[in-house]
């Protein structure tokens, strides 16, 4: 399947997700963090809006606080940071 990309001189975006590394401890039946981090890259996306949507689904959880009734957005469990990077395309001949 071909991916629709941008032309020369246009911007592209990607999501950078940094998470805490860990492993499942079968004896304790819980997730144990190792102290390291894992960096994952998602994209490229043609628009910043598409990248923002992916960032929201990967990095955040939206819920209503039962005590205050407020809409709250918090980082997903294990997520250290979730950001968007921008690049400017330049096309050249392959040698």
PDB file of N, CA and C in Angstrom:
ATOM      1  N   UNK A   1       0.840  -1.168   0.000  1.00  0.00           N
ATOM      2  CA  UNK A   1       0.000   0.000   0.000  1.00  0.00           C
ATOM      3  C   UNK A   1       0.886   1.231   0.000  1.00  0.00           C
ATOM      4  N   UNK A   2       0.641   2.138  -0.877  1.00  0.00           N
ATOM      5  CA  UNK A   2       1.433   3.359  -0.970  1.00  0.00           C
ATOM      6  C   UNK A   2       0.946   4.383   0.041  1.00  0.00           C
ATOM      7  N   UNK A   3       1.881   5.108   0.603  1.00  0.00           N
ATOM      8  CA  UNK A   3       1.543   6.165   1.558  1.00  0.00           C
ATOM      9  C   UNK A   3       1.629   7.504   0.844  1.00  0.00           C
ATOM     10  N   UNK A   4       0.633   8.327   1.031  1.00  0.00           N
ATOM     11  CA  UNK A   4       0.619   9.658   0.425  1.00  0.00           C
ATOM     12  C   UNK A   4       1.605  10.551   1.162  1.00  0.00           C
ATOM     13  N   UNK A   5       2.580  11.057   0.450  1.00  0.00           N
ATOM     14  CA  UNK A   5       3.591  11.920   1.060  1.00  0.00           C
ATOM     15  C   UNK A   5       3.473  13.320   0.476  1.00  0.00           C
ATOM     16  N   UNK A   6       4.285  14.213   0.975  1.00  0.00           N
ATOM     17  CA  UNK A   6       4.230  15.613   0.554  1.00  0.00           C
ATOM     18  C   UNK A   6       5.261  15.886  -0.527  1.00  0.00           C
ATOM     19  N   UNK A   7       5.121  17.015  -1.185  1.00  0.00           N
ATOM     20  CA  UNK A   7       6.045  17.420  -2.227  1.00  0.00           C
ATOM     21  C   UNK A   7       7.256  18.145  -1.665  1.00  0.00           C
ATOM     22  N   UNK A   8       8.081  18.630  -2.568  1.00  0.00           N
ATOM     23  CA  UNK A   8       9.310  19.335  -2.197  1.00  0.00           C
ATOM     24  C   UNK A   8       8.990  20.640  -1.471  1.00  0.00           C
ATOM     25  N   UNK A   9       9.704  20.907  -0.408  1.00  0.00           N
ATOM     26  CA  UNK A   9       9.560  22.160   0.308  1.00  0.00           C
ATOM     27  C   UNK A   9       8.382  22.228   1.262  1.00  0.00           C
ATOM     28  N   UNK A  10       7.766  21.098   1.576  1.00  0.00           N
ATOM     29  CA  UNK A  10       6.645  21.098   2.508  1.00  0.00           C
ATOM     30  C   UNK A  10       7.052  20.487   3.841  1.00  0.00           C
ATOM     31  N   UNK A  11       6.241  20.737   4.853  1.00  0.00           N
ATOM     32  CA  UNK A  11       6.522  20.227   6.186  1.00  0.00           C
ATOM     33  C   UNK A  11       5.861  18.870   6.406  1.00  0.00           C
ATOM     34  N   UNK A  12       6.531  18.010   7.168  1.00  0.00           N
ATOM     35  CA  UNK A  12       5.959  16.749   7.630  1.00  0.00           C
ATOM     36  C   UNK A  12       6.147  16.697   9.136  1.00  0.00           C
ATOM     37  N   UNK A  13       5.360  15.865   9.796  1.00  0.00           N
ATOM     38  CA  UNK A  13       5.350  15.812  11.260  1.00  0.00           C
ATOM     39  C   UNK A  13       5.418  14.362  11.722  1.00  0.00           C
ATOM     40  N   UNK A  14       5.989  14.158  12.901  1.00  0.00           N
ATOM     41  CA  UNK A  14       5.979  12.840  13.527  1.00  0.00           C
ATOM     42  C   UNK A  14       5.781  12.997  15.026  1.00  0.00           C
ATOM     43  N   UNK A  15       5.274  11.949  15.630  1.00  0.00           N
ATOM     44  CA  UNK A  15       5.051  11.926  17.075  1.00  0.00           C
ATOM     45  C   UNK A  15       6.202  11.162  17.719  1.00  0.00           C
ATOM     46  N   UNK A  16       6.754  11.716  18.799  1.00  0.00           N
ATOM     47  CA  UNK A  16       7.821  11.073  19.549  1.00  0.00           C
ATOM     48  C   UNK A  16       7.266  10.708  20.925  1.00  0.00           C
ATOM     49  N   UNK A  17       7.190   9.413  21.180  1.00  0.00           N
ATOM     50  CA  UNK A  17       6.639   8.900  22.439  1.00  0.00           C
ATOM     51  C   UNK A  17       7.761   8.292  23.263  1.00  0.00           C
ATOM     52  N   UNK A  18       7.972   8.822  24.470  1.00  0.00           N
ATOM     53  CA  UNK A  18       8.986   8.288  25.389  1.00  0.00           C
ATOM     54  C   UNK A  18       8.245   7.631  26.542  1.00  0.00           C
ATOM     55  N   UNK A  19       8.523   6.325  26.754  1.00  0.00           N
ATOM     56  CA  UNK A  19       7.848   5.543  27.797  1.00  0.00           C
ATOM     57  C   UNK A  19       8.871   4.916  28.732  1.00  0.00           C
ATOM     58  N   UNK A  20       8.400   4.587  29.915  1.00  0.00           N
ATOM     59  CA  UNK A  20       9.237   3.866  30.868  1.00  0.00           C
ATOM     60  C   UNK A  20       9.329   2.410  30.427  1.00  0.00           C
ATOM     61  N   UNK A  21      10.551   1.887  30.433  1.00  0.00           N
ATOM     62  CA  UNK A  21      10.759   0.485  30.069  1.00  0.00           C
ATOM     63  C   UNK A  21      10.432  -0.399  31.266  1.00  0.00           C
ATOM     64  N   UNK A  22       9.990  -1.595  30.992  1.00  0.00           N
ATOM     65  CA  UNK A  22       9.678  -2.519  32.068  1.00  0.00           C
ATOM     66  C   UNK A  22       9.388  -3.900  31.536  1.00  0.00           C
ATOM     67  N   UNK A  23       9.015  -4.757  32.446  1.00  0.00           N
ATOM     68  CA  UNK A  23       8.702  -6.136  32.087  1.00  0.00           C
ATOM     69  C   UNK A  23       7.673  -6.674  33.069  1.00  0.00           C
ATOM     70  N   UNK A  24       6.923  -7.657  32.616  1.00  0.00           N
ATOM     71  CA  UNK A  24       5.919  -8.280  33.463  1.00  0.00           C
ATOM     72  C   UNK A  24       6.606  -9.287  34.368  1.00  0.00           C
ATOM     73  N   UNK A  25       6.444  -9.146  35.684  1.00  0.00           N
ATOM     74  CA  UNK A  25       6.959 -10.094  36.672  1.00  0.00           C
ATOM     75  C   UNK A  25       5.863 -11.120  36.925  1.00  0.00           C
ATOM     76  N   UNK A  26       6.045 -12.316  36.383  1.00  0.00           N
ATOM     77  CA  UNK A  26       5.004 -13.342  36.482  1.00  0.00           C
ATOM     78  C   UNK A  26       4.800 -13.829  37.910  1.00  0.00           C
ATOM     79  N   UNK A  27       5.858 -13.876  38.708  1.00  0.00           N
ATOM     80  CA  UNK A  27       5.717 -14.325  40.095  1.00  0.00           C
ATOM     81  C   UNK A  27       4.916 -13.318  40.922  1.00  0.00           C
ATOM     82  N   UNK A  28       5.222 -12.027  40.754  1.00  0.00           N
ATOM     83  CA  UNK A  28       4.524 -10.986  41.512  1.00  0.00           C
ATOM     84  C   UNK A  28       3.222 -10.561  40.837  1.00  0.00           C
ATOM     85  N   UNK A  29       3.027 -10.981  39.592  1.00  0.00           N
ATOM     86  CA  UNK A  29       1.839 -10.637  38.800  1.00  0.00           C
ATOM     87  C   UNK A  29       1.640  -9.130  38.683  1.00  0.00           C
ATOM     88  N   UNK A  30       2.734  -8.452  38.335  1.00  0.00           N
ATOM     89  CA  UNK A  30       2.637  -7.009  38.136  1.00  0.00           C
ATOM     90  C   UNK A  30       3.736  -6.537  37.196  1.00  0.00           C
ATOM     91  N   UNK A  31       3.558  -5.319  36.679  1.00  0.00           N
ATOM     92  CA  UNK A  31       4.521  -4.682  35.790  1.00  0.00           C
ATOM     93  C   UNK A  31       5.622  -4.050  36.632  1.00  0.00           C
ATOM     94  N   UNK A  32       6.867  -4.330  36.315  1.00  0.00           N
ATOM     95  CA  UNK A  32       8.005  -3.801  37.057  1.00  0.00           C
ATOM     96  C   UNK A  32       8.832  -2.927  36.113  1.00  0.00           C
ATOM     97  N   UNK A  33       9.007  -1.662  36.484  1.00  0.00           N
ATOM     98  CA  UNK A  33       9.797  -0.739  35.666  1.00  0.00           C
ATOM     99  C   UNK A  33      11.279  -0.987  35.872  1.00  0.00           C
ATOM    100  N   UNK A  34      12.056  -0.876  34.779  1.00  0.00           N
ATOM    101  CA  UNK A  34      13.491  -1.136  34.843  1.00  0.00           C
ATOM    102  C   UNK A  34      14.305   0.137  35.060  1.00  0.00           C
ATOM    103  N   UNK A  35      13.682   1.307  34.942  1.00  0.00           N
ATOM    104  CA  UNK A  35      14.398   2.570  35.100  1.00  0.00           C
ATOM    105  C   UNK A  35      14.868   3.153  33.779  1.00  0.00           C
ATOM    106  N   UNK A  36      14.831   2.371  32.710  1.00  0.00           N
ATOM    107  CA  UNK A  36      15.211   2.869  31.389  1.00  0.00           C
ATOM    108  C   UNK A  36      13.991   3.461  30.692  1.00  0.00           C
ATOM    109  N   UNK A  37      14.230   4.121  29.560  1.00  0.00           N
ATOM    110  CA  UNK A  37      13.130   4.640  28.750  1.00  0.00           C
ATOM    111  C   UNK A  37      13.235   4.093  27.331  1.00  0.00           C
ATOM    112  N   UNK A  38      12.103   4.054  26.662  1.00  0.00           N
ATOM    113  CA  UNK A  38      12.014   3.613  25.274  1.00  0.00           C
ATOM    114  C   UNK A  38      11.457   4.775  24.464  1.00  0.00           C
ATOM    115  N   UNK A  39      12.108   5.098  23.346  1.00  0.00           N
ATOM    116  CA  UNK A  39      11.631   6.162  22.467  1.00  0.00           C
ATOM    117  C   UNK A  39      11.097   5.538  21.189  1.00  0.00           C
ATOM    118  N   UNK A  40       9.847   5.890  20.844  1.00  0.00           N
ATOM    119  CA  UNK A  40       9.211   5.383  19.636  1.00  0.00           C
ATOM    120  C   UNK A  40       8.794   6.571  18.767  1.00  0.00           C
ATOM    121  N   UNK A  41       8.851   6.372  17.457  1.00  0.00           N
ATOM    122  CA  UNK A  41       8.498   7.418  16.496  1.00  0.00           C
ATOM    123  C   UNK A  41       7.321   6.944  15.654  1.00  0.00           C
ATOM    124  N   UNK A  42       6.317   7.803  15.483  1.00  0.00           N
ATOM    125  CA  UNK A  42       5.134   7.494  14.688  1.00  0.00           C
ATOM    126  C   UNK A  42       4.979   8.558  13.613  1.00  0.00           C
ATOM    127  N   UNK A  43       4.759   8.131  12.402  1.00  0.00           N
ATOM    128  CA  UNK A  43       4.580   9.073  11.309  1.00  0.00           C
ATOM    129  C   UNK A  43       5.377   8.628  10.111  1.00  0.00           C
ATOM    130  N   UNK A  44       5.586   9.453   9.128  1.00  0.00           N
ATOM    131  CA  UNK A  44       5.283  10.878   9.076  1.00  0.00           C
ATOM    132  C   UNK A  44       3.822  11.156   8.752  1.00  0.00           C
ATOM    133  N   UNK A  45       3.370  12.324   9.156  1.00  0.00           N
ATOM    134  CA  UNK A  45       2.012  12.807   8.881  1.00  0.00           C
ATOM    135  C   UNK A  45       2.110  14.083   8.060  1.00  0.00           C
ATOM    136  N   UNK A  46       1.175  14.248   7.145  1.00  0.00           N
ATOM    137  CA  UNK A  46       1.190  15.411   6.261  1.00  0.00           C
ATOM    138  C   UNK A  46       0.745  16.693   6.949  1.00  0.00           C
ATOM    139  N   UNK A  47      -0.058  16.570   8.006  1.00  0.00           N
ATOM    140  CA  UNK A  47      -0.558  17.763   8.694  1.00  0.00           C
ATOM    141  C   UNK A  47      -0.250  17.676  10.183  1.00  0.00           C
ATOM    142  N   UNK A  48      -0.125  18.837  10.802  1.00  0.00           N
ATOM    143  CA  UNK A  48       0.099  18.868  12.244  1.00  0.00           C
ATOM    144  C   UNK A  48      -1.141  18.356  12.979  1.00  0.00           C
ATOM    145  N   UNK A  49      -2.314  18.546  12.396  1.00  0.00           N
ATOM    146  CA  UNK A  49      -3.541  18.055  13.013  1.00  0.00           C
ATOM    147  C   UNK A  49      -3.566  16.537  13.132  1.00  0.00           C
ATOM    148  N   UNK A  50      -3.096  15.853  12.096  1.00  0.00           N
ATOM    149  CA  UNK A  50      -3.028  14.385  12.149  1.00  0.00           C
ATOM    150  C   UNK A  50      -2.043  13.932  13.220  1.00  0.00           C
ATOM    151  N   UNK A  51      -0.917  14.625  13.332  1.00  0.00           N
ATOM    152  CA  UNK A  51       0.068  14.290  14.358  1.00  0.00           C
ATOM    153  C   UNK A  51      -0.485  14.552  15.764  1.00  0.00           C
ATOM    154  N   UNK A  52      -1.231  15.646  15.927  1.00  0.00           N
ATOM    155  CA  UNK A  52      -1.835  15.946  17.233  1.00  0.00           C
ATOM    156  C   UNK A  52      -2.847  14.882  17.629  1.00  0.00           C
ATOM    157  N   UNK A  53      -3.628  14.418  16.674  1.00  0.00           N
ATOM    158  CA  UNK A  53      -4.587  13.356  16.967  1.00  0.00           C
ATOM    159  C   UNK A  53      -3.898  12.085  17.415  1.00  0.00           C
ATOM    160  N   UNK A  54      -2.813  11.730  16.749  1.00  0.00           N
ATOM    161  CA  UNK A  54      -2.061  10.532  17.129  1.00  0.00           C
ATOM    162  C   UNK A  54      -1.415  10.724  18.492  1.00  0.00           C
ATOM    163  N   UNK A  55      -0.883  11.915  18.752  1.00  0.00           N
ATOM    164  CA  UNK A  55      -0.271  12.207  20.059  1.00  0.00           C
ATOM    165  C   UNK A  55      -1.296  12.050  21.177  1.00  0.00           C
ATOM    166  N   UNK A  56      -2.505  12.547  20.945  1.00  0.00           N
ATOM    167  CA  UNK A  56      -3.559  12.442  21.951  1.00  0.00           C
ATOM    168  C   UNK A  56      -3.894  10.984  22.233  1.00  0.00           C
ATOM    169  N   UNK A  57      -4.042  10.174  21.200  1.00  0.00           N
ATOM    170  CA  UNK A  57      -4.425   8.782  21.415  1.00  0.00           C
ATOM    171  C   UNK A  57      -3.292   7.964  22.032  1.00  0.00           C
ATOM    172  N   UNK A  58      -2.047   8.290  21.723  1.00  0.00           N
ATOM    173  CA  UNK A  58      -0.908   7.548  22.269  1.00  0.00           C
ATOM    174  C   UNK A  58      -0.526   7.987  23.676  1.00  0.00           C
ATOM    175  N   UNK A  59      -0.593   9.282  23.939  1.00  0.00           N
ATOM    176  CA  UNK A  59       0.003   9.793  25.170  1.00  0.00           C
ATOM    177  C   UNK A  59      -0.928  10.168  26.283  1.00  0.00           C
ATOM    178  N   UNK A  60      -2.216  10.348  25.994  1.00  0.00           N
ATOM    179  CA  UNK A  60      -3.088  10.906  27.010  1.00  0.00           C
ATOM    180  C   UNK A  60      -4.368  10.101  27.199  1.00  0.00           C
ATOM    181  N   UNK A  61      -4.938  10.246  28.367  1.00  0.00           N
ATOM    182  CA  UNK A  61      -6.239   9.675  28.689  1.00  0.00           C
ATOM    183  C   UNK A  61      -7.139  10.827  29.130  1.00  0.00           C
ATOM    184  N   UNK A  62      -8.318  10.918  28.540  1.00  0.00           N
ATOM    185  CA  UNK A  62      -9.304  11.925  28.936  1.00  0.00           C
ATOM    186  C   UNK A  62     -10.387  11.238  29.762  1.00  0.00           C
ATOM    187  N   UNK A  63     -10.747  11.851  30.883  1.00  0.00           N
ATOM    188  CA  UNK A  63     -11.832  11.307  31.692  1.00  0.00           C
ATOM    189  C   UNK A  63     -12.488  12.425  32.487  1.00  0.00           C
ATOM    190  N   UNK A  64     -13.619  12.118  33.064  1.00  0.00           N
ATOM    191  CA  UNK A  64     -14.329  13.075  33.915  1.00  0.00           C
ATOM    192  C   UNK A  64     -14.046  12.736  35.367  1.00  0.00           C
ATOM    193  N   UNK A  65     -13.528  13.706  36.117  1.00  0.00           N
ATOM    194  CA  UNK A  65     -13.239  13.511  37.534  1.00  0.00           C
ATOM    195  C   UNK A  65     -14.565  13.317  38.269  1.00  0.00           C
ATOM    196  N   UNK A  66     -14.746  12.170  38.955  1.00  0.00           N
ATOM    197  CA  UNK A  66     -16.022  11.902  39.616  1.00  0.00           C
ATOM    198  C   UNK A  66     -16.343  12.860  40.769  1.00  0.00           C
ATOM    199  N   UNK A  67     -15.319  13.437  41.396  1.00  0.00           N
ATOM    200  CA  UNK A  67     -15.552  14.337  42.531  1.00  0.00           C
ATOM    201  C   UNK A  67     -15.940  15.745  42.090  1.00  0.00           C
ATOM    202  N   UNK A  68     -15.264  16.245  41.050  1.00  0.00           N
ATOM    203  CA  UNK A  68     -15.498  17.631  40.636  1.00  0.00           C
ATOM    204  C   UNK A  68     -16.339  17.746  39.370  1.00  0.00           C
ATOM    205  N   UNK A  69     -16.434  16.666  38.596  1.00  0.00           N
ATOM    206  CA  UNK A  69     -17.155  16.707  37.335  1.00  0.00           C
ATOM    207  C   UNK A  69     -16.372  17.366  36.220  1.00  0.00           C
ATOM    208  N   UNK A  70     -15.092  17.696  36.474  1.00  0.00           N
ATOM    209  CA  UNK A  70     -14.240  18.345  35.480  1.00  0.00           C
ATOM    210  C   UNK A  70     -13.740  17.338  34.454  1.00  0.00           C
ATOM    211  N   UNK A  71     -13.557  17.835  33.218  1.00  0.00           N
ATOM    212  CA  UNK A  71     -12.899  17.033  32.194  1.00  0.00           C
ATOM    213  C   UNK A  71     -11.394  17.121  32.438  1.00  0.00           C
ATOM    214  N   UNK A  72     -10.723  15.981  32.556  1.00  0.00           N
ATOM    215  CA  UNK A  72      -9.314  15.935  32.922  1.00  0.00           C
ATOM    216  C   UNK A  72      -8.532  15.184  31.851  1.00  0.00           C
ATOM    217  N   UNK A  73      -7.347  15.674  31.525  1.00  0.00           N
ATOM    218  CA  UNK A  73      -6.436  14.975  30.607  1.00  0.00           C
ATOM    219  C   UNK A  73      -5.149  14.696  31.364  1.00  0.00           C
ATOM    220  N   UNK A  74      -4.769  13.432  31.433  1.00  0.00           N
ATOM    221  CA  UNK A  74      -3.535  13.032  32.107  1.00  0.00           C
ATOM    222  C   UNK A  74      -2.720  12.144  31.171  1.00  0.00           C
ATOM    223  N   UNK A  75      -1.422  12.065  31.451  1.00  0.00           N
ATOM    224  CA  UNK A  75      -0.554  11.187  30.665  1.00  0.00           C
ATOM    225  C   UNK A  75      -0.926   9.734  30.936  1.00  0.00           C
ATOM    226  N   UNK A  76      -0.845   8.915  29.911  1.00  0.00           N
ATOM    227  CA  UNK A  76      -1.088   7.478  30.085  1.00  0.00           C
ATOM    228  C   UNK A  76      -0.048   6.898  31.029  1.00  0.00           C
ATOM    229  N   UNK A  77      -0.402   5.814  31.662  1.00  0.00           N
ATOM    230  CA  UNK A  77       0.502   5.147  32.589  1.00  0.00           C
ATOM    231  C   UNK A  77       1.773   4.722  31.853  1.00  0.00           C
ATOM    232  N   UNK A  78       2.911   5.076  32.404  1.00  0.00           N
ATOM    233  CA  UNK A  78       4.195   4.704  31.825  1.00  0.00           C
ATOM    234  C   UNK A  78       4.740   5.681  30.797  1.00  0.00           C
ATOM    235  N   UNK A  79       3.948   6.666  30.377  1.00  0.00           N
ATOM    236  CA  UNK A  79       4.406   7.636  29.386  1.00  0.00           C
ATOM    237  C   UNK A  79       5.172   8.751  30.083  1.00  0.00           C
ATOM    238  N   UNK A  80       6.387   9.009  29.633  1.00  0.00           N
ATOM    239  CA  UNK A  80       7.211  10.079  30.186  1.00  0.00           C
ATOM    240  C   UNK A  80       6.934  11.385  29.447  1.00  0.00           C
ATOM    241  N   UNK A  81       6.914  11.312  28.107  1.00  0.00           N
ATOM    242  CA  UNK A  81       6.595  12.492  27.305  1.00  0.00           C
ATOM    243  C   UNK A  81       6.060  12.058  25.946  1.00  0.00           C
ATOM    244  N   UNK A  82       5.324  12.961  25.339  1.00  0.00           N
ATOM    245  CA  UNK A  82       4.756  12.708  24.021  1.00  0.00           C
ATOM    246  C   UNK A  82       4.739  14.040  23.286  1.00  0.00           C
ATOM    247  N   UNK A  83       5.566  14.161  22.251  1.00  0.00           N
ATOM    248  CA  UNK A  83       5.707  15.442  21.568  1.00  0.00           C
ATOM    249  C   UNK A  83       5.601  15.262  20.056  1.00  0.00           C
ATOM    250  N   UNK A  84       5.580  16.388  19.351  1.00  0.00           N
ATOM    251  CA  UNK A  84       5.518  16.392  17.900  1.00  0.00           C
ATOM    252  C   UNK A  84       6.766  17.074  17.366  1.00  0.00           C
ATOM    253  N   UNK A  85       7.389  16.458  16.354  1.00  0.00           N
ATOM    254  CA  UNK A  85       8.530  17.055  15.679  1.00  0.00           C
ATOM    255  C   UNK A  85       8.134  17.409  14.251  1.00  0.00           C
ATOM    256  N   UNK A  86       8.787  18.444  13.711  1.00  0.00           N
ATOM    257  CA  UNK A  86       8.505  18.917  12.362  1.00  0.00           C
ATOM    258  C   UNK A  86       9.774  18.801  11.521  1.00  0.00           C
ATOM    259  N   UNK A  87       9.606  18.418  10.253  1.00  0.00           N
ATOM    260  CA  UNK A  87      10.721  18.380   9.307  1.00  0.00           C
ATOM    261  C   UNK A  87      10.287  19.057   8.025  1.00  0.00           C
ATOM    262  N   UNK A  88      11.256  19.567   7.309  1.00  0.00           N
ATOM    263  CA  UNK A  88      11.010  20.241   6.043  1.00  0.00           C
ATOM    264  C   UNK A  88      11.599  19.354   4.943  1.00  0.00           C
ATOM    265  N   UNK A  89      10.789  18.966   3.973  1.00  0.00           N
ATOM    266  CA  UNK A  89      11.259  18.019   2.964  1.00  0.00           C
ATOM    267  C   UNK A  89      12.116  18.681   1.897  1.00  0.00           C
ATOM    268  N   UNK A  90      13.136  17.965   1.491  1.00  0.00           N
ATOM    269  CA  UNK A  90      13.986  18.339   0.376  1.00  0.00           C
ATOM    270  C   UNK A  90      14.228  17.071  -0.430  1.00  0.00           C
ATOM    271  N   UNK A  91      13.883  17.115  -1.687  1.00  0.00           N
ATOM    272  CA  UNK A  91      14.031  15.937  -2.537  1.00  0.00           C
ATOM    273  C   UNK A  91      15.273  16.087  -3.416  1.00  0.00           C
ATOM    274  N   UNK A  92      15.976  14.987  -3.625  1.00  0.00           N
ATOM    275  CA  UNK A  92      17.149  15.007  -4.499  1.00  0.00           C
ATOM    276  C   UNK A  92      17.276  13.664  -5.211  1.00  0.00           C
ATOM    277  N   UNK A  93      18.056  13.636  -6.281  1.00  0.00           N
ATOM    278  CA  UNK A  93      18.255  12.406  -7.043  1.00  0.00           C
ATOM    279  C   UNK A  93      19.055  11.398  -6.232  1.00  0.00           C
ATOM    280  N   UNK A  94      18.731  10.122  -6.388  1.00  0.00           N
ATOM    281  CA  UNK A  94      19.448   9.041  -5.738  1.00  0.00           C
ATOM    282  C   UNK A  94      20.582   8.624  -6.656  1.00  0.00           C
ATOM    283  N   UNK A  95      21.732   8.446  -6.101  1.00  0.00           N
ATOM    284  CA  UNK A  95      22.912   8.060  -6.910  1.00  0.00           C
ATOM    285  C   UNK A  95      23.276   6.645  -6.668  1.00  0.00           C
TER     286      UNK A  95
END
